[in-house]
């Protein structure tokens, strides 16, 4: 009978063990992120939701980030104010809501707040405005 250490050192099996561990951790992180903040949308998926399902875009970046450029038609509610300003968003509870920040971290938190408030279709833009720009999609300053 071989021990776990013998298994790991035989024929470079440690590489497979490390690969399995890293993959498992990555899967766990992605699962926890989705559960806390809702589903993630790529920029292409977000564009389809906006155009086909009349999704509402809520930009939770701070004022300085907002002024540098935003998705056309987005509503600006800084991440720290989402809980206080839920009343402004009540009329959108039945529509898909896409929450956007710079990289995707603040949007996950804001999405969780919206879900707790009864919003059923809440999505975070995966990669935030950076991913939107990288996909070649336009931003407006108007």
N, C-alpha and C. Protein backbone atom coordinates (compact mmCIF):
# COMPACT_ATOMS: atom_id res chain seq x y z
N UNK A 1 0.85 -1.18 0.00
CA UNK A 1 0.00 0.00 0.00
C UNK A 1 0.90 1.24 0.00
N UNK A 2 0.57 2.21 -0.87
CA UNK A 2 1.38 3.42 -0.96
C UNK A 2 0.77 4.52 -0.11
N UNK A 3 1.64 5.34 0.40
CA UNK A 3 1.17 6.47 1.20
C UNK A 3 0.87 7.66 0.30
N UNK A 4 0.14 8.64 0.80
CA UNK A 4 -0.14 9.83 -0.02
C UNK A 4 1.14 10.53 -0.47
N UNK A 5 2.16 10.52 0.36
CA UNK A 5 3.42 11.18 -0.02
C UNK A 5 4.08 10.42 -1.18
N UNK A 6 4.03 9.08 -1.13
CA UNK A 6 4.58 8.29 -2.24
C UNK A 6 3.84 8.60 -3.53
N UNK A 7 2.52 8.72 -3.43
CA UNK A 7 1.71 9.03 -4.62
C UNK A 7 2.12 10.37 -5.21
N UNK A 8 2.27 11.39 -4.35
CA UNK A 8 2.59 12.73 -4.84
C UNK A 8 3.97 12.82 -5.48
N UNK A 9 4.91 12.07 -4.98
CA UNK A 9 6.27 12.17 -5.53
C UNK A 9 6.50 11.23 -6.72
N UNK A 10 5.60 10.30 -6.93
CA UNK A 10 5.76 9.34 -8.04
C UNK A 10 5.34 9.97 -9.37
N UNK A 11 6.20 9.94 -10.36
CA UNK A 11 5.91 10.41 -11.72
C UNK A 11 5.31 11.82 -11.76
N UNK A 12 5.79 12.69 -10.94
CA UNK A 12 5.33 14.10 -10.92
C UNK A 12 3.84 14.25 -10.65
N UNK A 13 3.28 13.37 -9.86
CA UNK A 13 1.86 13.48 -9.52
C UNK A 13 1.56 14.74 -8.72
N UNK A 14 2.58 15.33 -8.10
CA UNK A 14 2.35 16.56 -7.34
C UNK A 14 1.84 17.69 -8.26
N UNK A 15 2.23 17.66 -9.50
CA UNK A 15 1.74 18.68 -10.44
C UNK A 15 0.23 18.56 -10.61
N UNK A 16 -0.25 17.32 -10.72
CA UNK A 16 -1.70 17.11 -10.85
C UNK A 16 -2.42 17.53 -9.57
N UNK A 17 -1.83 17.24 -8.43
CA UNK A 17 -2.45 17.60 -7.15
C UNK A 17 -2.53 19.13 -7.00
N UNK A 18 -1.48 19.83 -7.36
CA UNK A 18 -1.49 21.30 -7.29
C UNK A 18 -2.51 21.86 -8.27
N UNK A 19 -2.56 21.33 -9.47
CA UNK A 19 -3.53 21.79 -10.47
C UNK A 19 -4.96 21.60 -9.97
N UNK A 20 -5.23 20.43 -9.37
CA UNK A 20 -6.57 20.16 -8.84
C UNK A 20 -6.91 21.13 -7.70
N UNK A 21 -5.96 21.40 -6.83
CA UNK A 21 -6.20 22.32 -5.71
C UNK A 21 -6.47 23.74 -6.20
N UNK A 22 -5.67 24.22 -7.13
CA UNK A 22 -5.86 25.58 -7.67
C UNK A 22 -7.20 25.68 -8.38
N UNK A 23 -7.55 24.67 -9.16
CA UNK A 23 -8.84 24.68 -9.87
C UNK A 23 -10.00 24.71 -8.89
N UNK A 24 -9.90 23.92 -7.84
CA UNK A 24 -10.96 23.89 -6.83
C UNK A 24 -11.13 25.22 -6.14
N UNK A 25 -10.03 25.86 -5.79
CA UNK A 25 -10.08 27.17 -5.13
C UNK A 25 -10.69 28.20 -6.07
N UNK A 26 -10.29 28.19 -7.34
CA UNK A 26 -10.85 29.15 -8.31
C UNK A 26 -12.35 28.95 -8.47
N UNK A 27 -12.79 27.71 -8.54
CA UNK A 27 -14.21 27.42 -8.66
C UNK A 27 -14.98 27.90 -7.43
N UNK A 28 -14.43 27.68 -6.26
CA UNK A 28 -15.06 28.13 -5.02
C UNK A 28 -15.19 29.65 -4.97
N UNK A 29 -14.13 30.36 -5.34
CA UNK A 29 -14.16 31.82 -5.34
C UNK A 29 -15.22 32.34 -6.31
N UNK A 30 -15.28 31.77 -7.51
CA UNK A 30 -16.26 32.22 -8.50
C UNK A 30 -17.68 31.94 -8.02
N UNK A 31 -17.90 30.80 -7.40
CA UNK A 31 -19.22 30.44 -6.90
C UNK A 31 -19.65 31.39 -5.80
N UNK A 32 -18.77 31.67 -4.86
CA UNK A 32 -19.10 32.58 -3.77
C UNK A 32 -19.36 33.99 -4.28
N UNK A 33 -18.59 34.41 -5.26
CA UNK A 33 -18.78 35.75 -5.84
C UNK A 33 -20.14 35.85 -6.51
N UNK A 34 -20.54 34.84 -7.24
CA UNK A 34 -21.84 34.87 -7.91
C UNK A 34 -22.97 34.86 -6.90
N UNK A 35 -22.88 34.05 -5.85
CA UNK A 35 -23.95 33.96 -4.87
C UNK A 35 -24.11 35.26 -4.10
N UNK A 36 -23.01 35.94 -3.83
CA UNK A 36 -23.10 37.16 -3.04
C UNK A 36 -23.62 38.33 -3.87
N UNK A 37 -23.27 38.40 -5.13
CA UNK A 37 -23.65 39.57 -5.90
C UNK A 37 -24.51 39.30 -7.11
N UNK A 38 -24.96 38.11 -7.30
CA UNK A 38 -25.78 37.81 -8.45
C UNK A 38 -24.94 37.31 -9.61
N UNK A 39 -25.60 37.09 -10.71
CA UNK A 39 -24.93 36.55 -11.89
C UNK A 39 -24.02 37.59 -12.53
N UNK A 40 -23.00 37.09 -13.17
CA UNK A 40 -22.07 37.96 -13.88
C UNK A 40 -22.43 37.97 -15.35
N UNK A 41 -22.32 39.14 -15.97
CA UNK A 41 -22.55 39.27 -17.41
C UNK A 41 -21.29 39.79 -18.06
N UNK A 42 -20.97 39.24 -19.21
CA UNK A 42 -19.89 39.80 -20.02
C UNK A 42 -20.41 41.09 -20.65
N UNK A 43 -19.54 41.93 -21.17
CA UNK A 43 -20.02 43.13 -21.85
C UNK A 43 -20.99 42.81 -22.99
N UNK A 44 -20.73 41.76 -23.75
CA UNK A 44 -21.64 41.38 -24.85
C UNK A 44 -23.01 40.97 -24.31
N UNK A 45 -23.03 40.18 -23.24
CA UNK A 45 -24.30 39.77 -22.63
C UNK A 45 -25.05 40.97 -22.06
N UNK A 46 -24.31 41.89 -21.45
CA UNK A 46 -24.94 43.10 -20.90
C UNK A 46 -25.58 43.93 -22.01
N UNK A 47 -24.88 44.06 -23.13
CA UNK A 47 -25.42 44.80 -24.27
C UNK A 47 -26.73 44.18 -24.75
N UNK A 48 -26.78 42.86 -24.82
CA UNK A 48 -28.02 42.18 -25.23
C UNK A 48 -29.14 42.44 -24.23
N UNK A 49 -28.84 42.39 -22.94
CA UNK A 49 -29.87 42.65 -21.92
C UNK A 49 -30.39 44.08 -22.03
N UNK A 50 -29.49 45.01 -22.26
CA UNK A 50 -29.89 46.42 -22.39
C UNK A 50 -30.78 46.60 -23.61
N UNK A 51 -30.38 46.05 -24.74
CA UNK A 51 -31.10 46.25 -25.99
C UNK A 51 -32.37 45.41 -26.12
N UNK A 52 -32.36 44.20 -25.62
CA UNK A 52 -33.50 43.30 -25.81
C UNK A 52 -34.48 43.26 -24.64
N UNK A 53 -33.97 43.52 -23.43
CA UNK A 53 -34.82 43.39 -22.25
C UNK A 53 -34.98 44.70 -21.47
N UNK A 54 -34.51 45.79 -22.06
CA UNK A 54 -34.62 47.11 -21.45
C UNK A 54 -34.02 47.13 -20.04
N UNK A 55 -32.85 46.50 -19.89
CA UNK A 55 -32.18 46.46 -18.59
C UNK A 55 -31.77 47.85 -18.15
N UNK A 56 -31.81 48.06 -16.85
CA UNK A 56 -31.38 49.31 -16.23
C UNK A 56 -29.93 49.14 -15.81
N UNK A 57 -29.10 50.12 -16.12
CA UNK A 57 -27.70 50.09 -15.73
C UNK A 57 -27.51 51.05 -14.57
N UNK A 58 -26.95 50.54 -13.48
CA UNK A 58 -26.65 51.36 -12.31
C UNK A 58 -25.14 51.37 -12.13
N UNK A 59 -24.56 52.54 -12.22
CA UNK A 59 -23.11 52.71 -12.09
C UNK A 59 -22.81 53.13 -10.65
N UNK A 60 -22.05 52.30 -9.94
CA UNK A 60 -21.80 52.55 -8.52
C UNK A 60 -20.41 53.13 -8.26
N UNK A 61 -19.75 53.61 -9.30
CA UNK A 61 -18.43 54.22 -9.12
C UNK A 61 -18.57 55.60 -8.48
N UNK A 62 -17.46 56.14 -7.98
CA UNK A 62 -17.51 57.46 -7.36
C UNK A 62 -17.63 58.55 -8.43
N UNK A 63 -17.84 59.77 -7.98
CA UNK A 63 -18.09 60.89 -8.90
C UNK A 63 -16.95 61.10 -9.91
N UNK A 64 -15.72 60.98 -9.46
CA UNK A 64 -14.58 61.19 -10.36
C UNK A 64 -14.53 60.15 -11.47
N UNK A 65 -14.79 58.90 -11.12
CA UNK A 65 -14.80 57.83 -12.12
C UNK A 65 -15.97 58.02 -13.09
N UNK A 66 -17.12 58.37 -12.56
CA UNK A 66 -18.33 58.59 -13.36
C UNK A 66 -18.10 59.67 -14.41
N UNK A 67 -17.44 60.76 -14.01
CA UNK A 67 -17.25 61.89 -14.92
C UNK A 67 -16.29 61.57 -16.07
N UNK A 68 -15.47 60.53 -15.92
CA UNK A 68 -14.53 60.16 -16.98
C UNK A 68 -15.19 59.38 -18.11
N UNK A 69 -16.38 58.88 -17.88
CA UNK A 69 -17.10 58.14 -18.92
C UNK A 69 -17.95 57.04 -18.32
N UNK A 70 -19.11 56.83 -18.93
CA UNK A 70 -20.07 55.85 -18.42
C UNK A 70 -20.86 55.24 -19.57
N UNK A 71 -21.57 54.18 -19.26
CA UNK A 71 -22.43 53.54 -20.24
C UNK A 71 -23.63 54.45 -20.48
N UNK A 72 -23.97 54.66 -21.71
CA UNK A 72 -25.09 55.55 -22.05
C UNK A 72 -26.37 55.10 -21.35
N UNK A 73 -27.05 56.03 -20.72
CA UNK A 73 -28.31 55.76 -20.04
C UNK A 73 -28.16 55.23 -18.61
N UNK A 74 -26.93 55.06 -18.15
CA UNK A 74 -26.71 54.54 -16.80
C UNK A 74 -27.16 55.56 -15.75
N UNK A 75 -27.63 55.04 -14.63
CA UNK A 75 -27.97 55.87 -13.48
C UNK A 75 -26.81 55.80 -12.51
N UNK A 76 -26.46 56.94 -11.91
CA UNK A 76 -25.30 57.00 -11.02
C UNK A 76 -25.74 57.00 -9.56
N UNK A 77 -25.36 55.94 -8.86
CA UNK A 77 -25.57 55.86 -7.42
C UNK A 77 -24.28 55.28 -6.84
N UNK A 78 -23.44 56.10 -6.22
CA UNK A 78 -22.19 55.58 -5.66
C UNK A 78 -22.44 54.40 -4.72
N UNK A 79 -21.52 53.46 -4.69
CA UNK A 79 -21.72 52.20 -3.97
C UNK A 79 -22.13 52.40 -2.52
N UNK A 80 -21.59 53.39 -1.86
CA UNK A 80 -21.92 53.63 -0.46
C UNK A 80 -23.33 54.17 -0.24
N UNK A 81 -24.02 54.55 -1.31
CA UNK A 81 -25.35 55.15 -1.19
C UNK A 81 -26.47 54.24 -1.68
N UNK A 82 -26.15 53.07 -2.19
CA UNK A 82 -27.17 52.21 -2.78
C UNK A 82 -28.27 51.89 -1.76
N UNK A 83 -27.90 51.49 -0.56
CA UNK A 83 -28.89 51.15 0.47
C UNK A 83 -29.80 52.31 0.81
N UNK A 84 -29.25 53.51 0.87
CA UNK A 84 -30.02 54.71 1.22
C UNK A 84 -30.95 55.15 0.09
N UNK A 85 -30.60 54.82 -1.13
CA UNK A 85 -31.35 55.33 -2.29
C UNK A 85 -32.18 54.27 -3.00
N UNK A 86 -32.52 53.21 -2.29
CA UNK A 86 -33.33 52.13 -2.89
C UNK A 86 -34.67 52.62 -3.40
N UNK A 87 -35.24 53.63 -2.75
CA UNK A 87 -36.52 54.18 -3.17
C UNK A 87 -36.51 54.67 -4.60
N UNK A 88 -35.38 55.20 -5.05
CA UNK A 88 -35.25 55.70 -6.42
C UNK A 88 -35.30 54.56 -7.44
N UNK A 89 -35.02 53.36 -6.97
CA UNK A 89 -34.91 52.22 -7.88
C UNK A 89 -36.11 51.29 -7.84
N UNK A 90 -37.03 51.50 -6.91
CA UNK A 90 -38.18 50.61 -6.76
C UNK A 90 -38.93 50.36 -8.06
N UNK A 91 -39.04 51.38 -8.89
CA UNK A 91 -39.80 51.23 -10.14
C UNK A 91 -39.13 50.27 -11.13
N UNK A 92 -37.88 49.87 -10.84
CA UNK A 92 -37.15 48.96 -11.74
C UNK A 92 -37.09 47.53 -11.21
N UNK A 93 -37.83 47.22 -10.15
CA UNK A 93 -37.74 45.89 -9.53
C UNK A 93 -38.10 44.75 -10.48
N UNK A 94 -38.95 45.00 -11.46
CA UNK A 94 -39.38 43.95 -12.38
C UNK A 94 -38.49 43.85 -13.62
N UNK A 95 -37.56 44.79 -13.77
CA UNK A 95 -36.68 44.79 -14.93
C UNK A 95 -35.30 44.24 -14.57
N UNK A 96 -34.57 43.75 -15.55
CA UNK A 96 -33.18 43.37 -15.27
C UNK A 96 -32.37 44.60 -14.87
N UNK A 97 -31.52 44.44 -13.88
CA UNK A 97 -30.66 45.53 -13.40
C UNK A 97 -29.21 45.06 -13.54
N UNK A 98 -28.41 45.88 -14.21
CA UNK A 98 -26.98 45.57 -14.37
C UNK A 98 -26.20 46.60 -13.56
N UNK A 99 -25.44 46.11 -12.59
CA UNK A 99 -24.66 46.98 -11.73
C UNK A 99 -23.22 47.00 -12.24
N UNK A 100 -22.68 48.22 -12.33
CA UNK A 100 -21.37 48.43 -12.94
C UNK A 100 -20.48 49.23 -12.00
N UNK A 101 -19.21 48.82 -11.91
CA UNK A 101 -18.20 49.61 -11.22
C UNK A 101 -16.93 49.59 -12.08
N UNK A 102 -15.80 49.91 -11.50
CA UNK A 102 -14.57 49.95 -12.29
C UNK A 102 -14.07 48.56 -12.67
N UNK A 103 -14.10 47.62 -11.72
CA UNK A 103 -13.52 46.31 -11.99
C UNK A 103 -14.44 45.14 -11.67
N UNK A 104 -15.53 45.36 -10.97
CA UNK A 104 -16.45 44.29 -10.64
C UNK A 104 -16.60 44.01 -9.15
N UNK A 105 -15.75 44.59 -8.31
CA UNK A 105 -15.81 44.31 -6.88
C UNK A 105 -16.93 45.07 -6.18
N UNK A 106 -17.02 46.36 -6.39
CA UNK A 106 -18.08 47.15 -5.74
C UNK A 106 -19.46 46.76 -6.27
N UNK A 107 -19.53 46.37 -7.53
CA UNK A 107 -20.83 46.00 -8.09
C UNK A 107 -21.38 44.74 -7.43
N UNK A 108 -20.52 43.83 -7.01
CA UNK A 108 -20.98 42.61 -6.33
C UNK A 108 -21.66 42.97 -5.02
N UNK A 109 -21.08 43.89 -4.28
CA UNK A 109 -21.66 44.32 -3.01
C UNK A 109 -22.99 45.04 -3.23
N UNK A 110 -23.03 45.94 -4.19
CA UNK A 110 -24.27 46.67 -4.50
C UNK A 110 -25.35 45.72 -5.00
N UNK A 111 -24.96 44.72 -5.78
CA UNK A 111 -25.92 43.73 -6.28
C UNK A 111 -26.54 42.95 -5.13
N UNK A 112 -25.73 42.60 -4.14
CA UNK A 112 -26.25 41.87 -2.98
C UNK A 112 -27.27 42.73 -2.23
N UNK A 113 -27.01 44.02 -2.12
CA UNK A 113 -27.95 44.94 -1.46
C UNK A 113 -29.27 44.98 -2.23
N UNK A 114 -29.20 45.04 -3.54
CA UNK A 114 -30.42 45.06 -4.36
C UNK A 114 -31.20 43.76 -4.25
N UNK A 115 -30.51 42.64 -4.23
CA UNK A 115 -31.19 41.35 -4.08
C UNK A 115 -31.93 41.28 -2.75
N UNK A 116 -31.29 41.73 -1.70
CA UNK A 116 -31.92 41.73 -0.37
C UNK A 116 -33.15 42.63 -0.34
N UNK A 117 -33.16 43.64 -1.19
CA UNK A 117 -34.29 44.58 -1.24
C UNK A 117 -35.41 44.09 -2.16
N UNK A 118 -35.26 42.89 -2.73
CA UNK A 118 -36.33 42.32 -3.53
C UNK A 118 -36.17 42.41 -5.03
N UNK A 119 -35.04 42.89 -5.51
CA UNK A 119 -34.78 42.90 -6.95
C UNK A 119 -34.45 41.48 -7.36
N UNK A 120 -35.16 40.96 -8.35
CA UNK A 120 -35.01 39.56 -8.72
C UNK A 120 -33.99 39.32 -9.82
N UNK A 121 -33.84 40.27 -10.73
CA UNK A 121 -32.94 40.10 -11.87
C UNK A 121 -31.77 41.07 -11.76
N UNK A 122 -30.81 40.72 -10.91
CA UNK A 122 -29.66 41.59 -10.67
C UNK A 122 -28.42 40.92 -11.24
N UNK A 123 -27.66 41.69 -12.00
CA UNK A 123 -26.45 41.19 -12.64
C UNK A 123 -25.31 42.17 -12.39
N UNK A 124 -24.09 41.66 -12.33
CA UNK A 124 -22.90 42.51 -12.25
C UNK A 124 -22.16 42.40 -13.57
N UNK A 125 -21.65 43.53 -14.03
CA UNK A 125 -20.84 43.51 -15.25
C UNK A 125 -19.47 42.93 -14.89
N UNK A 126 -19.18 41.76 -15.41
CA UNK A 126 -17.93 41.07 -15.11
C UNK A 126 -16.76 41.88 -15.65
N UNK A 127 -15.88 42.29 -14.76
CA UNK A 127 -14.73 43.10 -15.18
C UNK A 127 -15.00 44.58 -15.19
N UNK A 128 -16.23 44.99 -14.93
CA UNK A 128 -16.58 46.41 -14.83
C UNK A 128 -16.37 47.21 -16.10
N UNK A 129 -16.26 48.51 -15.91
CA UNK A 129 -16.09 49.44 -17.04
C UNK A 129 -14.81 49.10 -17.82
N UNK A 130 -13.80 48.60 -17.12
CA UNK A 130 -12.56 48.21 -17.81
C UNK A 130 -12.82 47.15 -18.86
N UNK A 131 -13.64 46.16 -18.54
CA UNK A 131 -13.98 45.12 -19.51
C UNK A 131 -14.84 45.68 -20.63
N UNK A 132 -15.74 46.60 -20.29
CA UNK A 132 -16.59 47.25 -21.29
C UNK A 132 -15.72 47.97 -22.33
N UNK A 133 -14.76 48.75 -21.84
CA UNK A 133 -13.86 49.48 -22.74
C UNK A 133 -12.99 48.51 -23.54
N UNK A 134 -12.50 47.47 -22.90
CA UNK A 134 -11.64 46.50 -23.58
C UNK A 134 -12.40 45.80 -24.70
N UNK A 135 -13.71 45.66 -24.54
CA UNK A 135 -14.54 45.04 -25.58
C UNK A 135 -14.82 46.02 -26.72
N UNK A 136 -14.33 47.24 -26.61
CA UNK A 136 -14.52 48.23 -27.67
C UNK A 136 -15.89 48.88 -27.65
N UNK A 137 -16.59 48.81 -26.53
CA UNK A 137 -17.93 49.40 -26.42
C UNK A 137 -17.82 50.85 -25.98
N UNK A 138 -18.75 51.69 -26.42
CA UNK A 138 -18.62 53.12 -26.19
C UNK A 138 -18.99 53.56 -24.76
N UNK A 139 -18.36 54.64 -24.35
CA UNK A 139 -18.72 55.33 -23.11
C UNK A 139 -19.11 56.75 -23.48
N UNK A 140 -19.93 57.35 -22.65
CA UNK A 140 -20.34 58.73 -22.89
C UNK A 140 -19.93 59.59 -21.70
N UNK A 141 -19.77 60.87 -21.95
CA UNK A 141 -19.48 61.82 -20.87
C UNK A 141 -20.62 62.81 -20.71
N UNK A 142 -21.68 62.62 -21.50
CA UNK A 142 -22.84 63.54 -21.47
C UNK A 142 -23.77 63.20 -20.35
